Amino acid sequence: MVTQLDEGAIWLLDLGMVNAYLVDDGTVTLVDAGTPGSVDTLVAEINAAGYDTDAIERILVTHYDFDHVGGLPGLGVDVPMYAMEPDASFLDGTDSPPLASKKGAFQRVAGLFQRPPETGVSRIQDGETVGKFTSYHTPGHTPGHTAFYHEDLGLAVLGDLVTGDDGKLETPPWPLAASNSQNRASIRALAARDLSFEIACMGHGDPVTVAGDEALDALAAGI
């Protein structure tokens, strides 16, 4: 069920096993897109928020994982799409995840069940802005994992850098990351940027809607 996280600009799109987000700051942005099997649910959630897929003007990708990018081809929207390397190349099929890691091997197998998006992928850099979002490289869960910060909305979309429950943030389950030590370092580094945000959104779990920056600081201090 779609959930409005503020007074009208941010919606949680509940896709069951994973979250996506719709943000309208004058430009309608979709962040992540679930699995191939969740496309119908994704479209229904977008509609329930009061939009149709034609309203989407850009897509931000936190990272290349089957449950975050698998729904992109089936969504059928021709809009700019942004991701950070090397995940951007995994997404458009110009490179493949490394077989040397358990994460890369899993991504290769999962990739057999999805196809690259037809719209292409624009590469972004750490600190680069996309509209009013600032992109921060937060590697660990995947090598190109990205958090997106929107200062005006007091919003941080953290992907799988963290999980959320009952107003608190936690580290993701250890088997799911390419490098757990790097993921912890990325949590500490992002917290050290001293960003101000109330709402912290993640791929799995419940968004933090009050003092999200403090929740990130508390997690960083404890790992």
Protein backbone atom coordinates (compact mmCIF):
# COMPACT_ATOMS: atom_id res chain seq x y z
CA MET A 1 0.00 0.00 0.00
CA VAL A 2 1.41 3.38 -0.99
CA THR A 3 2.37 5.60 1.97
CA GLN A 4 2.82 9.36 1.88
CA LEU A 5 5.89 10.24 3.95
CA ASP A 6 5.46 14.00 4.13
CA GLU A 7 2.91 16.62 3.09
CA GLY A 8 2.88 15.71 -0.56
CA ALA A 9 6.30 15.22 -2.11
CA ILE A 10 7.52 11.75 -1.03
CA TRP A 11 5.77 8.39 -1.36
CA LEU A 12 6.85 4.95 -0.24
CA LEU A 13 5.93 2.41 -2.92
CA ASP A 14 5.58 -0.92 -1.10
CA LEU A 15 6.53 -3.73 -3.48
CA GLY A 16 6.43 -6.47 -0.87
CA MET A 17 10.01 -7.65 -0.51
CA VAL A 18 11.51 -4.26 -1.38
CA ASN A 19 10.68 -0.55 -1.40
CA ALA A 20 10.77 1.98 -4.20
CA TYR A 21 10.09 5.71 -3.81
CA LEU A 22 8.37 8.45 -5.78
CA VAL A 23 9.47 12.04 -5.17
CA ASP A 24 7.77 15.12 -6.64
CA ASP A 25 9.71 18.34 -6.09
CA GLY A 26 8.40 19.85 -9.31
CA THR A 27 10.11 17.04 -11.21
CA VAL A 28 8.72 13.54 -10.65
CA THR A 29 11.52 11.12 -9.76
CA LEU A 30 11.30 7.36 -9.27
CA VAL A 31 14.01 5.83 -7.08
CA ASP A 32 14.54 2.12 -7.82
CA ALA A 33 11.94 -0.19 -9.36
CA GLY A 34 11.71 -3.59 -7.69
CA THR A 35 11.83 -6.96 -9.43
CA PRO A 36 10.49 -7.98 -12.85
CA GLY A 37 7.60 -9.64 -11.04
CA SER A 38 6.66 -6.50 -9.13
CA VAL A 39 6.03 -4.23 -12.13
CA ASP A 40 2.24 -4.45 -11.87
CA THR A 41 2.41 -3.62 -8.16
CA LEU A 42 4.81 -0.75 -8.87
CA VAL A 43 2.45 0.74 -11.45
CA ALA A 44 -0.51 0.32 -9.08
CA GLU A 45 1.40 2.06 -6.27
CA ILE A 46 2.35 4.94 -8.57
CA ASN A 47 -1.30 5.26 -9.59
CA ALA A 48 -2.41 5.18 -5.94
CA ALA A 49 -0.07 8.10 -5.26
CA GLY A 50 -2.00 10.06 -7.89
CA TYR A 51 0.37 9.65 -10.84
CA ASP A 52 0.68 7.50 -13.91
CA THR A 53 3.93 6.22 -15.35
CA ASP A 54 3.91 8.96 -18.02
CA ALA A 55 4.41 11.50 -15.21
CA ILE A 56 7.83 10.06 -14.29
CA GLU A 57 10.57 12.39 -15.52
CA ARG A 58 13.71 10.68 -14.23
CA ILE A 59 14.84 7.50 -12.50
CA LEU A 60 17.56 7.26 -9.86
CA VAL A 61 19.13 3.87 -9.18
CA THR A 62 20.71 3.29 -5.78
CA HIS A 63 22.50 0.12 -6.94
CA TYR A 64 22.49 -2.83 -9.26
CA ASP A 65 20.57 -5.65 -7.59
CA PHE A 66 17.79 -7.77 -9.04
CA ASP A 67 15.23 -6.49 -6.53
CA HIS A 68 16.03 -2.82 -7.24
CA VAL A 69 16.46 -2.70 -11.02
CA GLY A 70 14.58 -5.75 -12.29
CA GLY A 71 11.36 -3.80 -12.81
CA LEU A 72 12.92 -1.07 -14.96
CA PRO A 73 12.50 -2.67 -18.42
CA GLY A 74 8.90 -3.67 -17.78
CA LEU A 75 7.97 -0.22 -16.56
CA GLY A 76 8.27 1.04 -20.14
CA VAL A 77 9.18 4.67 -19.50
CA ASP A 78 11.63 6.55 -21.72
CA VAL A 79 13.27 8.98 -19.29
CA PRO A 80 16.81 9.74 -18.12
CA MET A 81 18.19 7.12 -15.75
CA TYR A 82 21.11 7.72 -13.39
CA ALA A 83 23.48 5.32 -11.64
CA MET A 84 27.07 5.24 -10.44
CA GLU A 85 29.84 3.04 -11.79
CA PRO A 86 30.44 0.16 -11.94
CA ASP A 87 26.78 -0.60 -11.22
CA ALA A 88 25.75 1.60 -14.16
CA SER A 89 27.65 -0.67 -16.55
CA PHE A 90 26.19 -3.78 -14.94
CA LEU A 91 22.76 -2.24 -15.45
CA ASP A 92 23.12 -1.43 -19.14
CA GLY A 93 25.00 -4.65 -19.91
CA THR A 94 28.29 -3.09 -20.98
CA ASP A 95 30.07 -4.90 -18.12
CA SER A 96 29.34 -7.82 -15.81
CA PRO A 97 29.64 -8.18 -12.03
CA PRO A 98 32.88 -9.94 -10.99
CA LEU A 99 32.68 -13.66 -10.39
CA ALA A 100 35.37 -13.44 -7.71
CA SER A 101 32.87 -12.37 -5.04
CA LYS A 102 29.73 -14.09 -3.81
CA LYS A 103 27.80 -10.89 -4.52
CA GLY A 104 29.02 -10.68 -8.11
CA ALA A 105 28.27 -14.34 -8.73
CA PHE A 106 24.73 -13.93 -7.42
CA GLN A 107 24.22 -10.82 -9.55
CA ARG A 108 25.38 -12.69 -12.65
CA VAL A 109 22.86 -15.46 -12.07
CA ALA A 110 20.06 -12.99 -11.30
CA GLY A 111 20.97 -11.05 -14.43
CA LEU A 112 19.92 -14.00 -16.55
CA PHE A 113 16.32 -13.23 -15.61
CA GLN A 114 16.29 -9.55 -16.54
CA ARG A 115 17.21 -7.43 -19.51
CA PRO A 116 18.99 -4.09 -19.70
CA PRO A 117 16.75 -1.00 -19.86
CA GLU A 118 16.32 0.32 -23.39
CA THR A 119 16.73 3.97 -22.38
CA GLY A 120 20.43 3.81 -21.47
CA VAL A 121 22.06 4.85 -18.22
CA SER A 122 23.73 8.19 -17.40
CA ARG A 123 26.82 7.87 -15.22
CA ILE A 124 26.99 10.05 -12.10
CA GLN A 125 29.88 10.87 -9.77
CA ASP A 126 30.20 11.27 -6.02
CA GLY A 127 28.86 14.69 -5.06
CA GLU A 128 27.16 15.27 -8.41
CA THR A 129 23.68 16.78 -8.42
CA VAL A 130 20.75 15.42 -10.40
CA GLY A 131 18.08 18.08 -10.19
CA LYS A 132 17.84 18.83 -6.45
CA PHE A 133 19.32 15.46 -5.43
CA THR A 134 22.97 15.11 -4.48
CA SER A 135 24.57 11.73 -5.16
CA TYR A 136 26.96 10.19 -2.62
CA HIS A 137 29.03 7.11 -3.38
CA THR A 138 28.42 4.59 -0.58
CA PRO A 139 30.13 1.36 -1.71
CA GLY A 140 29.98 -1.89 0.20
CA HIS A 141 26.62 -3.47 -0.50
CA THR A 142 27.62 -3.13 -4.15
CA PRO A 143 30.68 -1.34 -5.52
CA GLY A 144 28.62 1.44 -7.10
CA HIS A 145 26.01 1.83 -4.37
CA THR A 146 24.68 5.39 -4.14
CA ALA A 147 22.74 7.39 -1.56
CA PHE A 148 20.65 10.34 -2.76
CA TYR A 149 20.19 13.40 -0.57
CA HIS A 150 17.55 16.11 -1.09
CA GLU A 151 18.27 19.06 1.19
CA ASP A 152 15.07 21.00 0.44
CA LEU A 153 12.87 18.02 1.34
CA GLY A 154 15.00 16.85 4.27
CA LEU A 155 15.29 13.45 2.59
CA ALA A 156 17.99 10.83 2.27
CA VAL A 157 17.33 7.74 0.13
CA LEU A 158 19.84 5.19 1.40
CA GLY A 159 19.09 2.10 -0.69
CA ASP A 160 20.60 -0.99 0.94
CA LEU A 161 23.27 0.88 2.87
CA VAL A 162 21.02 0.34 5.91
CA THR A 163 17.76 -1.28 6.91
CA GLY A 164 15.07 0.35 9.03
CA ASP A 165 12.69 -0.69 11.78
CA ASP A 166 10.79 1.19 14.49
CA GLY A 167 12.57 4.48 13.92
CA LYS A 168 16.06 2.96 14.03
CA LEU A 169 18.63 2.09 11.38
CA GLU A 170 20.66 -1.10 11.28
CA THR A 171 23.31 -2.62 9.02
CA PRO A 172 21.96 -5.03 6.39
CA PRO A 173 22.29 -8.81 6.89
CA TRP A 174 25.96 -9.69 6.35
CA PRO A 175 25.57 -12.25 3.50
CA LEU A 176 24.01 -9.65 1.19
CA ALA A 177 26.93 -7.23 0.82
CA ALA A 178 29.92 -7.37 -1.49
CA SER A 179 31.97 -6.02 1.45
CA ASN A 180 30.51 -5.59 4.91
CA SER A 181 33.55 -3.68 6.17
CA GLN A 182 33.28 -1.26 3.26
CA ASN A 183 29.55 -0.88 3.86
CA ARG A 184 30.19 0.03 7.50
CA ALA A 185 32.84 2.53 6.38
CA SER A 186 30.32 4.08 3.98
CA ILE A 187 27.78 4.46 6.79
CA ARG A 188 30.36 6.26 8.91
CA ALA A 189 31.49 8.42 5.97
CA LEU A 190 27.95 9.46 5.07
CA ALA A 191 27.17 10.31 8.70
CA ALA A 192 30.37 12.37 8.84
CA ARG A 193 29.06 14.60 6.04
CA ASP A 194 26.67 16.02 8.66
CA LEU A 195 23.68 16.13 6.33
CA SER A 196 20.39 17.38 7.75
CA PHE A 197 17.32 15.22 7.04
CA GLU A 198 14.20 14.07 8.83
CA ILE A 199 13.26 11.27 6.43
CA ALA A 200 15.58 8.32 5.81
CA CYS A 201 14.34 5.88 3.17
CA MET A 202 15.81 2.44 2.56
CA GLY A 203 15.23 -0.50 0.27
CA HIS A 204 14.19 -2.89 3.03
CA GLY A 205 12.36 -2.01 6.21
CA ASP A 206 10.38 0.99 7.40
CA PRO A 207 11.51 4.53 6.57
CA VAL A 208 12.52 6.75 9.46
CA THR A 209 10.33 9.85 9.29
CA VAL A 210 11.62 11.83 12.28
CA ALA A 211 15.28 12.73 12.91
CA GLY A 212 16.63 10.42 10.23
CA ASP A 213 20.03 12.09 10.43
CA GLU A 214 20.23 11.33 14.14
CA ALA A 215 19.34 7.70 13.46
CA LEU A 216 22.20 7.50 10.95
CA ASP A 217 24.59 9.14 13.42
CA ALA A 218 23.58 6.63 16.10
CA LEU A 219 24.18 3.70 13.79
CA ALA A 220 27.55 5.07 12.65
CA ALA A 221 28.66 5.56 16.25
CA GLY A 222 27.85 1.96 17.13
CA ILE A 223 29.64 0.13 14.31
